[in-house]
Amino acid sequence: MNVTNVMNVSNASMSLLNFKLITPEKIAFEKKVSQVTLPTMDGEITILPNHIPLVAELVPGVAMLKEHNHTEDVAVSGGFIQVDAEGNVTVLADTAERGEDLNLKNIEQAKARAEQVMRESARGDDEAFARAAAELERELARYRVARKYKAGSGKPRADMGPDSSLTDDTGTV
């Protein structure tokens, strides 16, 4: 390998982030990506190579992972994000689910249950209302990912590798 090739390999590896998504069950995803967009308490953020170090709170929403020209959306729920100076992005999430693993009918039923609990507890049980509101946020994120996946003809929009299976929280609302 000549010097030019070594420099190209070095520059290519510098332009990627080491992304790791961890749920309570396992390391759900570990891959080099060119950028990642995550939902935080302060809004959506996009992390690119050479991002400043950061710690942020993850909220329910859609994480968008970009690897070269391929993008994959992942429904995530609460947790934390850490970005270090070496280009490592670690996400600790309660749950993480790919579009291909989501069932729209089940999500719509869970969403309806959460909305019903919110209506029933709107004038009294603040704790039940807050739990239902959080569940509704999670279901809406799952719904967006599932719809986007289905709109893409049900085919994954990216092959993010065999080591990237994501976990599912199958608890009821």
N, C-alpha and C. Protein backbone atom coordinates (compact mmCIF):
# COMPACT_ATOMS: atom_id res chain seq x y z
N MET A 1 0.86 -1.18 0.00
CA MET A 1 0.00 0.00 0.00
C MET A 1 0.91 1.23 0.00
N ASN A 2 0.66 2.15 -0.90
CA ASN A 2 1.51 3.34 -0.95
C ASN A 2 1.00 4.42 0.01
N VAL A 3 1.76 5.50 0.13
CA VAL A 3 1.44 6.57 1.08
C VAL A 3 0.09 7.19 0.78
N THR A 4 -0.25 7.39 -0.48
CA THR A 4 -1.54 7.98 -0.84
C THR A 4 -2.69 7.11 -0.34
N ASN A 5 -2.58 5.80 -0.54
CA ASN A 5 -3.63 4.89 -0.06
C ASN A 5 -3.74 4.91 1.46
N VAL A 6 -2.63 4.97 2.15
CA VAL A 6 -2.65 5.03 3.61
C VAL A 6 -3.36 6.30 4.06
N MET A 7 -3.07 7.42 3.40
CA MET A 7 -3.73 8.68 3.76
C MET A 7 -5.22 8.61 3.49
N ASN A 8 -5.65 8.00 2.37
CA ASN A 8 -7.06 7.88 2.05
C ASN A 8 -7.78 6.99 3.07
N VAL A 9 -7.16 5.90 3.46
CA VAL A 9 -7.76 5.03 4.47
C VAL A 9 -7.88 5.79 5.78
N SER A 10 -6.84 6.52 6.14
CA SER A 10 -6.85 7.29 7.39
C SER A 10 -7.94 8.35 7.36
N ASN A 11 -8.05 9.09 6.25
CA ASN A 11 -9.09 10.13 6.14
C ASN A 11 -10.48 9.53 6.17
N ALA A 12 -10.67 8.37 5.54
CA ALA A 12 -11.99 7.74 5.52
C ALA A 12 -12.40 7.32 6.92
N SER A 13 -11.47 6.77 7.71
CA SER A 13 -11.83 6.33 9.06
C SER A 13 -12.06 7.52 9.98
N MET A 14 -11.40 8.67 9.69
CA MET A 14 -11.59 9.85 10.52
C MET A 14 -12.97 10.46 10.28
N SER A 15 -13.57 10.20 9.14
CA SER A 15 -14.84 10.83 8.81
C SER A 15 -16.04 10.01 9.30
N LEU A 16 -15.80 9.00 10.13
CA LEU A 16 -16.89 8.19 10.66
C LEU A 16 -16.93 8.27 12.17
N LEU A 17 -18.12 8.06 12.70
CA LEU A 17 -18.34 8.02 14.13
C LEU A 17 -18.45 6.56 14.57
N ASN A 18 -17.93 6.25 15.73
CA ASN A 18 -18.11 4.92 16.32
C ASN A 18 -19.41 4.99 17.13
N PHE A 19 -20.49 4.46 16.58
CA PHE A 19 -21.81 4.56 17.20
C PHE A 19 -22.15 3.26 17.93
N LYS A 20 -22.60 3.40 19.16
CA LYS A 20 -23.00 2.24 19.95
C LYS A 20 -24.33 2.57 20.63
N LEU A 21 -25.32 1.70 20.45
CA LEU A 21 -26.64 1.84 21.06
C LEU A 21 -26.82 0.68 22.03
N ILE A 22 -27.01 1.02 23.30
CA ILE A 22 -27.11 0.01 24.34
C ILE A 22 -28.47 0.10 25.00
N THR A 23 -29.14 -1.05 25.12
CA THR A 23 -30.40 -1.15 25.88
C THR A 23 -30.10 -1.96 27.14
N PRO A 24 -31.05 -2.03 28.07
CA PRO A 24 -30.79 -2.82 29.28
C PRO A 24 -30.47 -4.29 28.98
N GLU A 25 -30.94 -4.81 27.86
CA GLU A 25 -30.73 -6.22 27.54
C GLU A 25 -29.37 -6.51 26.94
N LYS A 26 -28.86 -5.57 26.09
CA LYS A 26 -27.62 -5.88 25.36
C LYS A 26 -27.12 -4.66 24.60
N ILE A 27 -25.95 -4.83 23.98
CA ILE A 27 -25.49 -3.84 23.01
C ILE A 27 -26.31 -4.14 21.76
N ALA A 28 -27.24 -3.25 21.48
CA ALA A 28 -28.20 -3.50 20.41
C ALA A 28 -27.66 -3.13 19.04
N PHE A 29 -26.69 -2.24 18.99
CA PHE A 29 -26.20 -1.77 17.70
C PHE A 29 -24.80 -1.23 17.92
N GLU A 30 -23.88 -1.61 17.07
CA GLU A 30 -22.52 -1.10 17.14
C GLU A 30 -21.99 -1.04 15.72
N LYS A 31 -21.74 0.18 15.25
CA LYS A 31 -21.37 0.34 13.84
C LYS A 31 -20.71 1.69 13.63
N LYS A 32 -19.92 1.81 12.59
CA LYS A 32 -19.38 3.11 12.19
C LYS A 32 -20.42 3.78 11.29
N VAL A 33 -20.74 5.03 11.59
CA VAL A 33 -21.72 5.78 10.82
C VAL A 33 -21.13 7.15 10.47
N SER A 34 -21.67 7.76 9.42
CA SER A 34 -21.18 9.08 9.03
C SER A 34 -21.88 10.20 9.79
N GLN A 35 -23.09 9.94 10.28
CA GLN A 35 -23.79 10.91 11.13
C GLN A 35 -24.94 10.22 11.83
N VAL A 36 -25.37 10.81 12.92
CA VAL A 36 -26.51 10.30 13.66
C VAL A 36 -27.33 11.49 14.16
N THR A 37 -28.64 11.40 14.00
CA THR A 37 -29.55 12.43 14.50
C THR A 37 -30.37 11.80 15.60
N LEU A 38 -30.43 12.48 16.76
CA LEU A 38 -31.07 11.93 17.94
C LEU A 38 -32.03 12.93 18.57
N PRO A 39 -33.13 12.45 19.16
CA PRO A 39 -34.07 13.34 19.86
C PRO A 39 -33.58 13.58 21.29
N THR A 40 -33.49 14.85 21.69
CA THR A 40 -33.06 15.20 23.03
C THR A 40 -34.09 16.11 23.69
N MET A 41 -33.88 16.38 24.97
CA MET A 41 -34.77 17.30 25.70
C MET A 41 -34.80 18.68 25.06
N ASP A 42 -33.69 19.08 24.44
CA ASP A 42 -33.60 20.41 23.83
C ASP A 42 -33.91 20.41 22.34
N GLY A 43 -34.40 19.29 21.82
CA GLY A 43 -34.70 19.19 20.41
C GLY A 43 -33.82 18.16 19.74
N GLU A 44 -33.98 18.03 18.45
CA GLU A 44 -33.23 17.06 17.67
C GLU A 44 -31.81 17.58 17.42
N ILE A 45 -30.81 16.71 17.60
CA ILE A 45 -29.44 17.10 17.32
C ILE A 45 -28.83 16.13 16.30
N THR A 46 -27.97 16.64 15.46
CA THR A 46 -27.23 15.81 14.52
C THR A 46 -25.77 15.85 14.91
N ILE A 47 -25.20 14.67 15.04
CA ILE A 47 -23.80 14.54 15.43
C ILE A 47 -23.01 14.10 14.21
N LEU A 48 -21.99 14.86 13.90
CA LEU A 48 -21.09 14.59 12.78
C LEU A 48 -19.69 14.34 13.33
N PRO A 49 -18.79 13.80 12.53
CA PRO A 49 -17.41 13.65 13.00
C PRO A 49 -16.86 14.98 13.50
N ASN A 50 -16.00 14.93 14.48
CA ASN A 50 -15.37 16.09 15.13
C ASN A 50 -16.36 16.91 15.96
N HIS A 51 -17.45 16.30 16.37
CA HIS A 51 -18.42 16.97 17.25
C HIS A 51 -17.77 17.22 18.60
N ILE A 52 -18.16 18.28 19.25
CA ILE A 52 -17.63 18.56 20.58
C ILE A 52 -18.17 17.52 21.57
N PRO A 53 -17.45 17.24 22.64
CA PRO A 53 -17.96 16.31 23.65
C PRO A 53 -19.30 16.81 24.19
N LEU A 54 -20.18 15.86 24.48
CA LEU A 54 -21.54 16.20 24.85
C LEU A 54 -22.16 15.09 25.68
N VAL A 55 -22.96 15.47 26.65
CA VAL A 55 -23.84 14.54 27.35
C VAL A 55 -25.22 15.16 27.29
N ALA A 56 -26.22 14.36 26.87
CA ALA A 56 -27.58 14.89 26.73
C ALA A 56 -28.58 13.80 27.10
N GLU A 57 -29.79 14.24 27.42
CA GLU A 57 -30.86 13.30 27.73
C GLU A 57 -31.60 12.92 26.45
N LEU A 58 -31.74 11.62 26.23
CA LEU A 58 -32.47 11.08 25.09
C LEU A 58 -33.95 11.04 25.46
N VAL A 59 -34.81 11.46 24.55
CA VAL A 59 -36.25 11.39 24.76
C VAL A 59 -36.84 10.46 23.70
N PRO A 60 -38.07 9.99 23.90
CA PRO A 60 -38.69 9.13 22.88
C PRO A 60 -38.74 9.87 21.53
N GLY A 61 -38.37 9.14 20.50
CA GLY A 61 -38.37 9.73 19.17
C GLY A 61 -37.69 8.81 18.18
N VAL A 62 -37.26 9.41 17.08
CA VAL A 62 -36.64 8.66 16.00
C VAL A 62 -35.16 9.02 15.91
N ALA A 63 -34.31 8.00 16.00
CA ALA A 63 -32.88 8.17 15.77
C ALA A 63 -32.63 7.85 14.30
N MET A 64 -31.93 8.73 13.61
CA MET A 64 -31.62 8.52 12.20
C MET A 64 -30.13 8.27 12.07
N LEU A 65 -29.79 7.07 11.60
CA LEU A 65 -28.40 6.67 11.46
C LEU A 65 -28.03 6.70 9.98
N LYS A 66 -26.98 7.40 9.66
CA LYS A 66 -26.56 7.49 8.26
C LYS A 66 -25.18 6.87 8.12
N GLU A 67 -25.09 5.93 7.20
CA GLU A 67 -23.83 5.27 6.88
C GLU A 67 -23.63 5.46 5.38
N HIS A 68 -22.73 6.36 5.02
CA HIS A 68 -22.50 6.73 3.62
C HIS A 68 -23.82 7.21 3.01
N ASN A 69 -24.38 6.52 2.02
CA ASN A 69 -25.62 6.96 1.40
C ASN A 69 -26.84 6.20 1.90
N HIS A 70 -26.70 5.39 2.91
CA HIS A 70 -27.80 4.61 3.46
C HIS A 70 -28.25 5.21 4.79
N THR A 71 -29.56 5.24 4.99
CA THR A 71 -30.10 5.76 6.24
C THR A 71 -31.02 4.73 6.85
N GLU A 72 -30.98 4.64 8.16
CA GLU A 72 -31.90 3.76 8.88
C GLU A 72 -32.48 4.53 10.05
N ASP A 73 -33.79 4.42 10.22
CA ASP A 73 -34.48 5.04 11.34
C ASP A 73 -34.72 4.00 12.41
N VAL A 74 -34.56 4.41 13.65
CA VAL A 74 -34.75 3.53 14.79
C VAL A 74 -35.61 4.27 15.81
N ALA A 75 -36.67 3.63 16.27
CA ALA A 75 -37.50 4.21 17.33
C ALA A 75 -36.77 3.98 18.65
N VAL A 76 -36.52 5.06 19.39
CA VAL A 76 -35.84 4.96 20.68
C VAL A 76 -36.71 5.59 21.75
N SER A 77 -36.50 5.15 22.97
CA SER A 77 -37.19 5.79 24.09
C SER A 77 -36.14 6.43 24.98
N GLY A 78 -36.51 6.83 26.16
CA GLY A 78 -35.64 7.61 27.03
C GLY A 78 -34.29 7.01 27.30
N GLY A 79 -33.37 7.86 27.72
CA GLY A 79 -32.03 7.42 28.06
C GLY A 79 -31.06 8.58 28.02
N PHE A 80 -29.81 8.27 27.69
CA PHE A 80 -28.76 9.28 27.67
C PHE A 80 -27.86 9.10 26.46
N ILE A 81 -27.24 10.22 26.05
CA ILE A 81 -26.33 10.26 24.92
C ILE A 81 -25.00 10.80 25.42
N GLN A 82 -23.91 10.17 24.99
CA GLN A 82 -22.59 10.68 25.29
C GLN A 82 -21.77 10.71 24.01
N VAL A 83 -21.16 11.86 23.74
CA VAL A 83 -20.25 12.02 22.61
C VAL A 83 -18.91 12.41 23.20
N ASP A 84 -17.83 11.69 22.81
CA ASP A 84 -16.52 12.08 23.33
C ASP A 84 -15.67 12.68 22.21
N ALA A 85 -14.51 13.16 22.57
CA ALA A 85 -13.64 13.86 21.63
C ALA A 85 -13.03 12.93 20.58
N GLU A 86 -13.07 11.62 20.79
CA GLU A 86 -12.50 10.67 19.84
C GLU A 86 -13.50 10.19 18.79
N GLY A 87 -14.70 10.73 18.76
CA GLY A 87 -15.69 10.34 17.77
C GLY A 87 -16.52 9.14 18.17
N ASN A 88 -16.58 8.86 19.46
CA ASN A 88 -17.43 7.79 19.98
C ASN A 88 -18.76 8.37 20.41
N VAL A 89 -19.85 7.81 19.91
CA VAL A 89 -21.19 8.22 20.30
C VAL A 89 -21.84 7.01 20.96
N THR A 90 -22.17 7.15 22.23
CA THR A 90 -22.80 6.07 22.97
C THR A 90 -24.20 6.52 23.38
N VAL A 91 -25.18 5.70 23.06
CA VAL A 91 -26.56 5.98 23.43
C VAL A 91 -27.03 4.87 24.36
N LEU A 92 -27.45 5.25 25.55
CA LEU A 92 -28.07 4.32 26.49
C LEU A 92 -29.56 4.57 26.40
N ALA A 93 -30.30 3.61 25.84
CA ALA A 93 -31.73 3.79 25.61
C ALA A 93 -32.52 2.71 26.33
N ASP A 94 -33.71 3.08 26.79
CA ASP A 94 -34.59 2.10 27.41
C ASP A 94 -35.01 1.04 26.38
N THR A 95 -35.32 1.48 25.17
CA THR A 95 -35.70 0.56 24.08
C THR A 95 -35.18 1.11 22.76
N ALA A 96 -35.05 0.23 21.78
CA ALA A 96 -34.66 0.62 20.43
C ALA A 96 -35.25 -0.41 19.47
N GLU A 97 -35.96 0.09 18.45
CA GLU A 97 -36.64 -0.81 17.51
C GLU A 97 -36.53 -0.32 16.09
N ARG A 98 -36.25 -1.23 15.17
CA ARG A 98 -36.20 -0.94 13.74
C ARG A 98 -37.60 -1.03 13.13
N GLY A 99 -37.78 -0.35 12.02
CA GLY A 99 -39.06 -0.40 11.31
C GLY A 99 -39.47 -1.80 10.94
N GLU A 100 -38.54 -2.62 10.51
CA GLU A 100 -38.86 -3.98 10.09
C GLU A 100 -39.36 -4.85 11.24
N ASP A 101 -39.09 -4.42 12.48
CA ASP A 101 -39.51 -5.20 13.65
C ASP A 101 -40.82 -4.70 14.25
N LEU A 102 -41.40 -3.67 13.65
CA LEU A 102 -42.60 -3.05 14.22
C LEU A 102 -43.86 -3.47 13.46
N ASN A 103 -44.95 -3.60 14.20
CA ASN A 103 -46.24 -3.97 13.64
C ASN A 103 -47.18 -2.79 13.82
N LEU A 104 -47.60 -2.18 12.72
CA LEU A 104 -48.46 -0.98 12.79
C LEU A 104 -49.74 -1.22 13.57
N LYS A 105 -50.37 -2.36 13.39
CA LYS A 105 -51.63 -2.64 14.09
C LYS A 105 -51.42 -2.65 15.60
N ASN A 106 -50.36 -3.29 16.07
CA ASN A 106 -50.08 -3.33 17.50
C ASN A 106 -49.76 -1.94 18.04
N ILE A 107 -49.03 -1.16 17.26
CA ILE A 107 -48.69 0.20 17.68
C ILE A 107 -49.94 1.05 17.78
N GLU A 108 -50.83 0.95 16.80
CA GLU A 108 -52.07 1.72 16.82
C GLU A 108 -52.93 1.36 18.03
N GLN A 109 -52.95 0.07 18.39
CA GLN A 109 -53.71 -0.36 19.57
C GLN A 109 -53.08 0.20 20.85
N ALA A 110 -51.77 0.15 20.96
CA ALA A 110 -51.09 0.69 22.14
C ALA A 110 -51.28 2.20 22.24
N LYS A 111 -51.24 2.87 21.09
CA LYS A 111 -51.47 4.32 21.04
C LYS A 111 -52.88 4.65 21.52
N ALA A 112 -53.85 3.89 21.06
CA ALA A 112 -55.24 4.12 21.47
C ALA A 112 -55.41 3.88 22.97
N ARG A 113 -54.76 2.85 23.52
CA ARG A 113 -54.85 2.59 24.97
C ARG A 113 -54.25 3.74 25.76
N ALA A 114 -53.11 4.25 25.30
CA ALA A 114 -52.46 5.37 25.99
C ALA A 114 -53.34 6.61 25.94
N GLU A 115 -53.95 6.87 24.78
CA GLU A 115 -54.85 8.03 24.66
C GLU A 115 -56.06 7.89 25.59
N GLN A 116 -56.60 6.67 25.70
CA GLN A 116 -57.74 6.42 26.58
C GLN A 116 -57.37 6.67 28.04
N VAL A 117 -56.21 6.18 28.46
CA VAL A 117 -55.75 6.41 29.84
C VAL A 117 -55.58 7.90 30.09
N MET A 118 -55.06 8.60 29.12
CA MET A 118 -54.88 10.05 29.28
C MET A 118 -56.23 10.75 29.44
N ARG A 119 -57.22 10.35 28.64
CA ARG A 119 -58.55 10.96 28.77
C ARG A 119 -59.16 10.66 30.14
N GLU A 120 -59.02 9.42 30.60
CA GLU A 120 -59.61 9.01 31.86
C GLU A 120 -58.93 9.66 33.06
N SER A 121 -57.65 9.95 32.95
CA SER A 121 -56.92 10.47 34.10
C SER A 121 -56.65 11.97 34.01
N ALA A 122 -57.21 12.63 33.01
CA ALA A 122 -56.94 14.05 32.79
C ALA A 122 -57.39 14.93 33.95
N ARG A 123 -58.36 14.51 34.69
CA ARG A 123 -58.87 15.34 35.77
C ARG A 123 -58.67 14.70 37.13
N GLY A 124 -57.53 14.17 37.38
CA GLY A 124 -57.36 13.60 38.69
C GLY A 124 -56.03 12.93 38.93
N ASP A 125 -55.76 11.88 38.24
CA ASP A 125 -54.57 11.09 38.51
C ASP A 125 -53.41 11.58 37.65
N ASP A 126 -52.64 12.53 38.22
CA ASP A 126 -51.53 13.13 37.48
C ASP A 126 -50.46 12.10 37.12
N GLU A 127 -50.22 11.14 38.00
CA GLU A 127 -49.20 10.13 37.75
C GLU A 127 -49.59 9.23 36.57
N ALA A 128 -50.84 8.78 36.55
CA ALA A 128 -51.30 7.94 35.45
C ALA A 128 -51.28 8.72 34.13
N PHE A 129 -51.65 9.99 34.20
CA PHE A 129 -51.62 10.83 33.01
C PHE A 129 -50.20 10.96 32.46
N ALA A 130 -49.24 11.21 33.35
CA ALA A 130 -47.85 11.36 32.94
C ALA A 130 -47.30 10.07 32.33
N ARG A 131 -47.63 8.93 32.95
CA ARG A 131 -47.19 7.64 32.40
C ARG A 131 -47.79 7.42 31.01
N ALA A 132 -49.08 7.72 30.88
CA ALA A 132 -49.75 7.53 29.58
C ALA A 132 -49.19 8.48 28.53
N ALA A 133 -48.88 9.71 28.92
CA ALA A 133 -48.30 10.67 27.98
C ALA A 133 -46.93 10.20 27.50
N ALA A 134 -46.13 9.66 28.42
CA ALA A 134 -44.82 9.14 28.04
C ALA A 134 -44.97 7.94 27.11
N GLU A 135 -45.93 7.07 27.40
CA GLU A 135 -46.16 5.91 26.54
C GLU A 135 -46.65 6.35 25.16
N LEU A 136 -47.48 7.37 25.13
CA LEU A 136 -47.97 7.89 23.85
C LEU A 136 -46.81 8.43 23.01
N GLU A 137 -45.88 9.15 23.64
CA GLU A 137 -44.71 9.66 22.92
C GLU A 137 -43.92 8.51 22.31
N ARG A 138 -43.72 7.47 23.09
CA ARG A 138 -42.97 6.30 22.62
C ARG A 138 -43.69 5.65 21.43
N GLU A 139 -45.00 5.48 21.54
CA GLU A 139 -45.76 4.84 20.47
C GLU A 139 -45.77 5.68 19.20
N LEU A 140 -45.81 7.00 19.35
CA LEU A 140 -45.77 7.87 18.18
C LEU A 140 -44.44 7.74 17.45
N ALA A 141 -43.35 7.63 18.19
CA ALA A 141 -42.03 7.43 17.57
C ALA A 141 -42.00 6.09 16.84
N ARG A 142 -42.50 5.05 17.48
CA ARG A 142 -42.55 3.73 16.85
C ARG A 142 -43.40 3.78 15.58
N TYR A 143 -44.51 4.50 15.65
CA TYR A 143 -45.42 4.64 14.51
C TYR A 143 -44.73 5.31 13.33
N ARG A 144 -43.98 6.40 13.61
CA ARG A 144 -43.28 7.11 12.53
C ARG A 144 -42.25 6.20 11.86
N VAL A 145 -41.52 5.44 12.66
CA VAL A 145 -40.51 4.54 12.08
C VAL A 145 -41.18 3.44 11.27
N ALA A 146 -42.24 2.85 11.81
CA ALA A 146 -42.94 1.77 11.10
C ALA A 146 -43.55 2.27 9.79
N ARG A 147 -44.16 3.45 9.82
CA ARG A 147 -44.77 4.02 8.59
C ARG A 147 -43.70 4.30 7.54
N LYS A 148 -42.59 4.87 7.96
CA LYS A 148 -41.52 5.19 7.02
C LYS A 148 -40.94 3.91 6.42
N TYR A 149 -40.81 2.89 7.24
CA TYR A 149 -40.30 1.61 6.75
C TYR A 149 -41.27 1.01 5.74
N LYS A 150 -42.57 1.03 6.09
CA LYS A 150 -43.59 0.47 5.20
C LYS A 150 -43.67 1.26 3.89
N ALA A 151 -43.52 2.58 3.95
CA ALA A 151 -43.56 3.42 2.75
C ALA A 151 -42.40 3.10 1.82
N GLY A 152 -41.31 2.58 2.37
CA GLY A 152 -40.15 2.20 1.55
C GLY A 152 -40.30 0.80 1.00
N SER A 153 -41.53 0.35 0.77
CA SER A 153 -41.85 -0.97 0.21
C SER A 153 -41.52 -2.11 1.14
N GLY A 154 -41.39 -1.80 2.43
CA GLY A 154 -41.13 -2.86 3.38
C GLY A 154 -39.73 -3.41 3.31
N LYS A 155 -38.86 -2.72 2.59
CA LYS A 155 -37.49 -3.17 2.48
C LYS A 155 -36.62 -2.30 3.37
N PRO A 156 -35.64 -2.88 4.04
CA PRO A 156 -34.72 -2.05 4.82
C PRO A 156 -34.05 -1.04 3.90
N ARG A 157 -33.92 0.19 4.37
CA ARG A 157 -33.29 1.21 3.56
C ARG A 157 -31.78 1.14 3.68
N ALA A 158 -31.29 0.29 4.55
CA ALA A 158 -29.84 0.16 4.70
C ALA A 158 -29.52 -1.19 5.29
N ASP A 159 -28.44 -1.77 4.83
CA ASP A 159 -27.94 -2.97 5.47
C ASP A 159 -26.89 -2.50 6.45
N MET A 160 -27.29 -2.40 7.70
CA MET A 160 -26.39 -1.88 8.72
C MET A 160 -25.58 -3.00 9.37
N GLY A 161 -25.62 -4.19 8.79
CA GLY A 161 -24.76 -5.26 9.25
C GLY A 161 -25.46 -6.25 10.15
N PRO A 162 -24.89 -7.45 10.28
CA PRO A 162 -25.51 -8.50 11.07
C PRO A 162 -25.42 -8.25 12.57
N ASP A 163 -24.54 -7.37 13.00
CA ASP A 163 -24.37 -7.12 14.43
C ASP A 163 -25.29 -6.02 14.92
N SER A 164 -26.30 -5.66 14.13
CA SER A 164 -27.09 -4.49 14.46
C SER A 164 -28.55 -4.81 14.77
N SER A 165 -28.84 -5.99 15.30
CA SER A 165 -30.22 -6.28 15.67
C SER A 165 -30.59 -5.44 16.88
N LEU A 166 -31.82 -4.98 16.90
CA LEU A 166 -32.26 -4.09 17.97
C LEU A 166 -33.26 -4.80 18.85
N THR A 167 -33.38 -4.34 20.08
CA THR A 167 -34.25 -4.99 21.04
C THR A 167 -35.63 -4.33 21.03
N ASP A 168 -36.56 -5.04 21.61
CA ASP A 168 -37.94 -4.59 21.66
C ASP A 168 -38.45 -4.68 23.08
N ASP A 169 -39.11 -3.65 23.56
CA ASP A 169 -39.76 -3.68 24.86
C ASP A 169 -41.20 -4.11 24.59
N THR A 170 -41.56 -5.31 25.01
CA THR A 170 -42.89 -5.83 24.68
C THR A 170 -43.89 -5.65 25.81
N GLY A 171 -43.59 -4.79 26.76
CA GLY A 171 -44.52 -4.53 27.85
C GLY A 171 -45.80 -3.87 27.35
N THR A 172 -46.87 -4.01 28.14
CA THR A 172 -48.15 -3.43 27.75
C THR A 172 -48.24 -2.00 28.23
N VAL A 173 -49.19 -1.26 27.65
CA VAL A 173 -49.40 0.13 28.04
C VAL A 173 -50.07 0.18 29.38
